[in-house]
Amino acid sequence: MPACVALARQAMATRFEVVLEGDYEPGLRAAGEEALEEIARQERRLSPFLPDSDISRVNARSALGPVPVDPRVF
């Protein structure tokens, strides 16, 4: 019987949910957790509400000159 794993987290002012079905529950759970961690990484880079995110730093310092950001922001 196939396994079903549902994982969720709040990020970027929304709820993200991953639902995976397959034969190997531990692998499904690991894949779902990895996907949600990637969402968390993107939030840490892009959120204007986190003071140390690239976007917050650009918003705070761009009038003063160039602001280095993670290449993945673009």
PDB file of N, CA and C in Angstrom:
ATOM      1  N   MET A   1       0.844  -1.183   0.000  1.00  0.00           N
ATOM      2  CA  MET A   1       0.000   0.000   0.000  1.00  0.00           C
ATOM      3  C   MET A   1       0.892   1.250   0.000  1.00  0.00           C
ATOM      4  N   PRO A   2       0.646   2.199  -0.904  1.00  0.00           N
ATOM      5  CA  PRO A   2       1.478   3.404  -0.967  1.00  0.00           C
ATOM      6  C   PRO A   2       1.350   4.247   0.300  1.00  0.00           C
ATOM      7  N   ALA A   3       2.442   4.889   0.641  1.00  0.00           N
ATOM      8  CA  ALA A   3       2.456   5.804   1.779  1.00  0.00           C
ATOM      9  C   ALA A   3       2.073   7.200   1.303  1.00  0.00           C
ATOM     10  N   CYS A   4       1.534   7.986   2.205  1.00  0.00           N
ATOM     11  CA  CYS A   4       1.206   9.381   1.917  1.00  0.00           C
ATOM     12  C   CYS A   4       1.783  10.231   3.044  1.00  0.00           C
ATOM     13  N   VAL A   5       2.546  11.242   2.662  1.00  0.00           N
ATOM     14  CA  VAL A   5       3.156  12.144   3.636  1.00  0.00           C
ATOM     15  C   VAL A   5       2.702  13.561   3.311  1.00  0.00           C
ATOM     16  N   ALA A   6       2.180  14.260   4.295  1.00  0.00           N
ATOM     17  CA  ALA A   6       1.779  15.660   4.133  1.00  0.00           C
ATOM     18  C   ALA A   6       2.557  16.491   5.149  1.00  0.00           C
ATOM     19  N   LEU A   7       3.246  17.496   4.662  1.00  0.00           N
ATOM     20  CA  LEU A   7       4.030  18.392   5.511  1.00  0.00           C
ATOM     21  C   LEU A   7       3.652  19.825   5.161  1.00  0.00           C
ATOM     22  N   ALA A   8       3.717  20.722   6.139  1.00  0.00           N
ATOM     23  CA  ALA A   8       3.356  22.114   5.883  1.00  0.00           C
ATOM     24  C   ALA A   8       4.196  23.036   6.749  1.00  0.00           C
ATOM     25  N   ARG A   9       4.285  24.287   6.302  1.00  0.00           N
ATOM     26  CA  ARG A   9       4.941  25.323   7.090  1.00  0.00           C
ATOM     27  C   ARG A   9       4.457  26.678   6.629  1.00  0.00           C
ATOM     28  N   GLN A  10       4.564  27.649   7.503  1.00  0.00           N
ATOM     29  CA  GLN A  10       4.268  29.034   7.173  1.00  0.00           C
ATOM     30  C   GLN A  10       5.555  29.691   6.694  1.00  0.00           C
ATOM     31  N   ALA A  11       5.462  30.443   5.626  1.00  0.00           N
ATOM     32  CA  ALA A  11       6.584  31.239   5.122  1.00  0.00           C
ATOM     33  C   ALA A  11       6.018  32.279   4.171  1.00  0.00           C
ATOM     34  N   MET A  12       6.655  33.422   4.112  1.00  0.00           N
ATOM     35  CA  MET A  12       6.269  34.479   3.175  1.00  0.00           C
ATOM     36  C   MET A  12       4.784  34.825   3.292  1.00  0.00           C
ATOM     37  N   ALA A  13       4.289  34.805   4.511  1.00  0.00           N
ATOM     38  CA  ALA A  13       2.894  35.160   4.808  1.00  0.00           C
ATOM     39  C   ALA A  13       1.882  34.245   4.119  1.00  0.00           C
ATOM     40  N   THR A  14       2.266  33.002   3.917  1.00  0.00           N
ATOM     41  CA  THR A  14       1.340  32.031   3.339  1.00  0.00           C
ATOM     42  C   THR A  14       1.646  30.648   3.888  1.00  0.00           C
ATOM     43  N   ARG A  15       0.751  29.731   3.674  1.00  0.00           N
ATOM     44  CA  ARG A  15       0.961  28.340   4.098  1.00  0.00           C
ATOM     45  C   ARG A  15       1.399  27.532   2.885  1.00  0.00           C
ATOM     46  N   PHE A  16       2.519  26.858   3.027  1.00  0.00           N
ATOM     47  CA  PHE A  16       3.008  25.946   1.998  1.00  0.00           C
ATOM     48  C   PHE A  16       2.752  24.528   2.470  1.00  0.00           C
ATOM     49  N   GLU A  17       2.205  23.699   1.600  1.00  0.00           N
ATOM     50  CA  GLU A  17       1.934  22.309   1.936  1.00  0.00           C
ATOM     51  C   GLU A  17       2.450  21.413   0.821  1.00  0.00           C
ATOM     52  N   VAL A  18       3.119  20.349   1.221  1.00  0.00           N
ATOM     53  CA  VAL A  18       3.644  19.356   0.287  1.00  0.00           C
ATOM     54  C   VAL A  18       2.968  18.032   0.622  1.00  0.00           C
ATOM     55  N   VAL A  19       2.353  17.412  -0.369  1.00  0.00           N
ATOM     56  CA  VAL A  19       1.724  16.102  -0.193  1.00  0.00           C
ATOM     57  C   VAL A  19       2.389  15.154  -1.181  1.00  0.00           C
ATOM     58  N   LEU A  20       2.993  14.097  -0.648  1.00  0.00           N
ATOM     59  CA  LEU A  20       3.732  13.141  -1.470  1.00  0.00           C
ATOM     60  C   LEU A  20       3.188  11.736  -1.256  1.00  0.00           C
ATOM     61  N   GLU A  21       3.084  10.984  -2.335  1.00  0.00           N
ATOM     62  CA  GLU A  21       2.656   9.586  -2.258  1.00  0.00           C
ATOM     63  C   GLU A  21       3.696   8.715  -2.932  1.00  0.00           C
ATOM     64  N   GLY A  22       3.931   7.555  -2.355  1.00  0.00           N
ATOM     65  CA  GLY A  22       4.894   6.623  -2.933  1.00  0.00           C
ATOM     66  C   GLY A  22       5.051   5.405  -2.049  1.00  0.00           C
ATOM     67  N   ASP A  23       6.048   4.614  -2.363  1.00  0.00           N
ATOM     68  CA  ASP A  23       6.240   3.346  -1.662  1.00  0.00           C
ATOM     69  C   ASP A  23       7.146   3.436  -0.442  1.00  0.00           C
ATOM     70  N   TYR A  24       7.956   4.489  -0.324  1.00  0.00           N
ATOM     71  CA  TYR A  24       8.972   4.539   0.726  1.00  0.00           C
ATOM     72  C   TYR A  24       8.768   5.790   1.572  1.00  0.00           C
ATOM     73  N   GLU A  25       8.061   5.637   2.681  1.00  0.00           N
ATOM     74  CA  GLU A  25       7.693   6.773   3.528  1.00  0.00           C
ATOM     75  C   GLU A  25       8.888   7.595   3.997  1.00  0.00           C
ATOM     76  N   PRO A  26      10.001   6.996   4.457  1.00  0.00           N
ATOM     77  CA  PRO A  26      11.132   7.824   4.889  1.00  0.00           C
ATOM     78  C   PRO A  26      11.688   8.703   3.763  1.00  0.00           C
ATOM     79  N   GLY A  27      11.722   8.177   2.555  1.00  0.00           N
ATOM     80  CA  GLY A  27      12.197   8.969   1.422  1.00  0.00           C
ATOM     81  C   GLY A  27      11.243  10.101   1.079  1.00  0.00           C
ATOM     82  N   LEU A  28       9.947   9.823   1.165  1.00  0.00           N
ATOM     83  CA  LEU A  28       8.951  10.863   0.917  1.00  0.00           C
ATOM     84  C   LEU A  28       9.086  11.988   1.936  1.00  0.00           C
ATOM     85  N   ARG A  29       9.221  11.602   3.200  1.00  0.00           N
ATOM     86  CA  ARG A  29       9.357  12.600   4.269  1.00  0.00           C
ATOM     87  C   ARG A  29      10.616  13.438   4.067  1.00  0.00           C
ATOM     88  N   ALA A  30      11.725  12.792   3.726  1.00  0.00           N
ATOM     89  CA  ALA A  30      12.980  13.521   3.504  1.00  0.00           C
ATOM     90  C   ALA A  30      12.836  14.502   2.343  1.00  0.00           C
ATOM     91  N   ALA A  31      12.196  14.068   1.262  1.00  0.00           N
ATOM     92  CA  ALA A  31      12.004  14.944   0.103  1.00  0.00           C
ATOM     93  C   ALA A  31      11.101  16.125   0.455  1.00  0.00           C
ATOM     94  N   GLY A  32      10.046  15.867   1.198  1.00  0.00           N
ATOM     95  CA  GLY A  32       9.144  16.943   1.600  1.00  0.00           C
ATOM     96  C   GLY A  32       9.820  17.944   2.514  1.00  0.00           C
ATOM     97  N   GLU A  33      10.607  17.447   3.462  1.00  0.00           N
ATOM     98  CA  GLU A  33      11.334  18.342   4.364  1.00  0.00           C
ATOM     99  C   GLU A  33      12.354  19.174   3.599  1.00  0.00           C
ATOM    100  N   GLU A  34      13.008  18.566   2.620  1.00  0.00           N
ATOM    101  CA  GLU A  34      13.968  19.307   1.796  1.00  0.00           C
ATOM    102  C   GLU A  34      13.261  20.414   1.006  1.00  0.00           C
ATOM    103  N   ALA A  35      12.099  20.114   0.459  1.00  0.00           N
ATOM    104  CA  ALA A  35      11.339  21.127  -0.283  1.00  0.00           C
ATOM    105  C   ALA A  35      10.935  22.290   0.626  1.00  0.00           C
ATOM    106  N   LEU A  36      10.468  21.982   1.825  1.00  0.00           N
ATOM    107  CA  LEU A  36      10.073  23.043   2.744  1.00  0.00           C
ATOM    108  C   LEU A  36      11.272  23.836   3.235  1.00  0.00           C
ATOM    109  N   GLU A  37      12.417  23.195   3.381  1.00  0.00           N
ATOM    110  CA  GLU A  37      13.630  23.919   3.771  1.00  0.00           C
ATOM    111  C   GLU A  37      14.060  24.873   2.661  1.00  0.00           C
ATOM    112  N   GLU A  38      13.891  24.476   1.405  1.00  0.00           N
ATOM    113  CA  GLU A  38      14.208  25.386   0.291  1.00  0.00           C
ATOM    114  C   GLU A  38      13.301  26.616   0.332  1.00  0.00           C
ATOM    115  N   ILE A  39      12.050  26.424   0.660  1.00  0.00           N
ATOM    116  CA  ILE A  39      11.141  27.564   0.810  1.00  0.00           C
ATOM    117  C   ILE A  39      11.638  28.482   1.922  1.00  0.00           C
ATOM    118  N   ALA A  40      12.087  27.914   3.026  1.00  0.00           N
ATOM    119  CA  ALA A  40      12.620  28.717   4.131  1.00  0.00           C
ATOM    120  C   ALA A  40      13.873  29.474   3.695  1.00  0.00           C
ATOM    121  N   ARG A  41      14.742  28.829   2.912  1.00  0.00           N
ATOM    122  CA  ARG A  41      15.947  29.517   2.413  1.00  0.00           C
ATOM    123  C   ARG A  41      15.566  30.705   1.532  1.00  0.00           C
ATOM    124  N   GLN A  42      14.586  30.500   0.667  1.00  0.00           N
ATOM    125  CA  GLN A  42      14.149  31.599  -0.199  1.00  0.00           C
ATOM    126  C   GLN A  42      13.549  32.737   0.630  1.00  0.00           C
ATOM    127  N   GLU A  43      12.804  32.396   1.652  1.00  0.00           N
ATOM    128  CA  GLU A  43      12.244  33.435   2.516  1.00  0.00           C
ATOM    129  C   GLU A  43      13.361  34.233   3.180  1.00  0.00           C
ATOM    130  N   ARG A  44      14.401  33.552   3.657  1.00  0.00           N
ATOM    131  CA  ARG A  44      15.515  34.252   4.303  1.00  0.00           C
ATOM    132  C   ARG A  44      16.220  35.201   3.333  1.00  0.00           C
ATOM    133  N   ARG A  45      16.217  34.896   2.052  1.00  0.00           N
ATOM    134  CA  ARG A  45      16.831  35.777   1.053  1.00  0.00           C
ATOM    135  C   ARG A  45      15.905  36.913   0.626  1.00  0.00           C
ATOM    136  N   LEU A  46      14.617  36.617   0.499  1.00  0.00           N
ATOM    137  CA  LEU A  46      13.709  37.518  -0.211  1.00  0.00           C
ATOM    138  C   LEU A  46      12.728  38.300   0.653  1.00  0.00           C
ATOM    139  N   SER A  47      12.563  37.937   1.901  1.00  0.00           N
ATOM    140  CA  SER A  47      11.534  38.585   2.713  1.00  0.00           C
ATOM    141  C   SER A  47      11.902  40.027   3.065  1.00  0.00           C
ATOM    142  N   PRO A  48      11.004  40.962   2.780  1.00  0.00           N
ATOM    143  CA  PRO A  48      11.254  42.336   3.214  1.00  0.00           C
ATOM    144  C   PRO A  48      11.013  42.517   4.719  1.00  0.00           C
ATOM    145  N   PHE A  49      10.495  41.498   5.376  1.00  0.00           N
ATOM    146  CA  PHE A  49      10.192  41.578   6.800  1.00  0.00           C
ATOM    147  C   PHE A  49      11.302  41.032   7.691  1.00  0.00           C
ATOM    148  N   LEU A  50      12.302  40.394   7.105  1.00  0.00           N
ATOM    149  CA  LEU A  50      13.446  39.898   7.872  1.00  0.00           C
ATOM    150  C   LEU A  50      14.598  40.879   7.680  1.00  0.00           C
ATOM    151  N   PRO A  51      15.071  41.511   8.740  1.00  0.00           N
ATOM    152  CA  PRO A  51      16.050  42.593   8.591  1.00  0.00           C
ATOM    153  C   PRO A  51      17.377  42.179   7.955  1.00  0.00           C
ATOM    154  N   ASP A  52      17.735  40.913   8.007  1.00  0.00           N
ATOM    155  CA  ASP A  52      19.014  40.492   7.423  1.00  0.00           C
ATOM    156  C   ASP A  52      18.865  39.846   6.045  1.00  0.00           C
ATOM    157  N   SER A  53      17.665  39.899   5.446  1.00  0.00           N
ATOM    158  CA  SER A  53      17.488  39.333   4.102  1.00  0.00           C
ATOM    159  C   SER A  53      18.128  40.250   3.064  1.00  0.00           C
ATOM    160  N   ASP A  54      18.457  39.693   1.919  1.00  0.00           N
ATOM    161  CA  ASP A  54      19.021  40.497   0.836  1.00  0.00           C
ATOM    162  C   ASP A  54      18.080  41.636   0.456  1.00  0.00           C
ATOM    163  N   ILE A  55      16.804  41.349   0.365  1.00  0.00           N
ATOM    164  CA  ILE A  55      15.840  42.371  -0.043  1.00  0.00           C
ATOM    165  C   ILE A  55      15.771  43.498   0.986  1.00  0.00           C
ATOM    166  N   SER A  56      15.790  43.178   2.265  1.00  0.00           N
ATOM    167  CA  SER A  56      15.780  44.220   3.294  1.00  0.00           C
ATOM    168  C   SER A  56      17.038  45.069   3.222  1.00  0.00           C
ATOM    169  N   ARG A  57      18.164  44.418   2.984  1.00  0.00           N
ATOM    170  CA  ARG A  57      19.416  45.181   2.875  1.00  0.00           C
ATOM    171  C   ARG A  57      19.391  46.098   1.653  1.00  0.00           C
ATOM    172  N   VAL A  58      18.865  45.611   0.532  1.00  0.00           N
ATOM    173  CA  VAL A  58      18.742  46.459  -0.661  1.00  0.00           C
ATOM    174  C   VAL A  58      17.824  47.644  -0.354  1.00  0.00           C
ATOM    175  N   ASN A  59      16.689  47.374   0.260  1.00  0.00           N
ATOM    176  CA  ASN A  59      15.754  48.450   0.584  1.00  0.00           C
ATOM    177  C   ASN A  59      16.380  49.484   1.513  1.00  0.00           C
ATOM    178  N   ALA A  60      17.185  49.047   2.459  1.00  0.00           N
ATOM    179  CA  ALA A  60      17.766  49.957   3.442  1.00  0.00           C
ATOM    180  C   ALA A  60      18.978  50.718   2.917  1.00  0.00           C
ATOM    181  N   ARG A  61      19.740  50.129   1.987  1.00  0.00           N
ATOM    182  CA  ARG A  61      21.038  50.708   1.616  1.00  0.00           C
ATOM    183  C   ARG A  61      21.186  51.123   0.161  1.00  0.00           C
ATOM    184  N   SER A  62      20.233  50.844  -0.683  1.00  0.00           N
ATOM    185  CA  SER A  62      20.440  51.078  -2.116  1.00  0.00           C
ATOM    186  C   SER A  62      20.645  52.553  -2.456  1.00  0.00           C
ATOM    187  N   ALA A  63      20.096  53.463  -1.670  1.00  0.00           N
ATOM    188  CA  ALA A  63      20.310  54.885  -1.938  1.00  0.00           C
ATOM    189  C   ALA A  63      21.755  55.296  -1.689  1.00  0.00           C
ATOM    190  N   LEU A  64      22.485  54.488  -0.928  1.00  0.00           N
ATOM    191  CA  LEU A  64      23.876  54.805  -0.599  1.00  0.00           C
ATOM    192  C   LEU A  64      24.867  54.243  -1.604  1.00  0.00           C
ATOM    193  N   GLY A  65      24.430  53.285  -2.411  1.00  0.00           N
ATOM    194  CA  GLY A  65      25.323  52.676  -3.391  1.00  0.00           C
ATOM    195  C   GLY A  65      24.949  51.232  -3.633  1.00  0.00           C
ATOM    196  N   PRO A  66      25.791  50.537  -4.402  1.00  0.00           N
ATOM    197  CA  PRO A  66      25.514  49.131  -4.706  1.00  0.00           C
ATOM    198  C   PRO A  66      25.442  48.280  -3.435  1.00  0.00           C
ATOM    199  N   VAL A  67      24.571  47.312  -3.463  1.00  0.00           N
ATOM    200  CA  VAL A  67      24.407  46.394  -2.334  1.00  0.00           C
ATOM    201  C   VAL A  67      24.625  44.977  -2.851  1.00  0.00           C
ATOM    202  N   PRO A  68      25.671  44.302  -2.387  1.00  0.00           N
ATOM    203  CA  PRO A  68      25.879  42.922  -2.841  1.00  0.00           C
ATOM    204  C   PRO A  68      24.771  42.006  -2.316  1.00  0.00           C
ATOM    205  N   VAL A  69      24.312  41.123  -3.184  1.00  0.00           N
ATOM    206  CA  VAL A  69      23.297  40.144  -2.805  1.00  0.00           C
ATOM    207  C   VAL A  69      23.725  38.769  -3.298  1.00  0.00           C
ATOM    208  N   ASP A  70      23.119  37.763  -2.751  1.00  0.00           N
ATOM    209  CA  ASP A  70      23.347  36.390  -3.194  1.00  0.00           C
ATOM    210  C   ASP A  70      22.989  36.296  -4.676  1.00  0.00           C
ATOM    211  N   PRO A  71      23.827  35.681  -5.504  1.00  0.00           N
ATOM    212  CA  PRO A  71      23.530  35.575  -6.938  1.00  0.00           C
ATOM    213  C   PRO A  71      22.189  34.894  -7.224  1.00  0.00           C
ATOM    214  N   ARG A  72      21.719  34.064  -6.311  1.00  0.00           N
ATOM    215  CA  ARG A  72      20.448  33.371  -6.529  1.00  0.00           C
ATOM    216  C   ARG A  72      19.237  34.279  -6.364  1.00  0.00           C
ATOM    217  N   VAL A  73      19.449  35.500  -5.878  1.00  0.00           N
ATOM    218  CA  VAL A  73      18.339  36.442  -5.752  1.00  0.00           C
ATOM    219  C   VAL A  73      17.811  36.806  -7.133  1.00  0.00           C
ATOM    220  N   PHE A  74      18.700  36.817  -8.114  1.00  0.00           N
ATOM    221  CA  PHE A  74      18.281  37.145  -9.477  1.00  0.00           C
ATOM    222  C   PHE A  74      18.061  35.885 -10.236  1.00  0.00           C
TER     223      PHE A  74
END
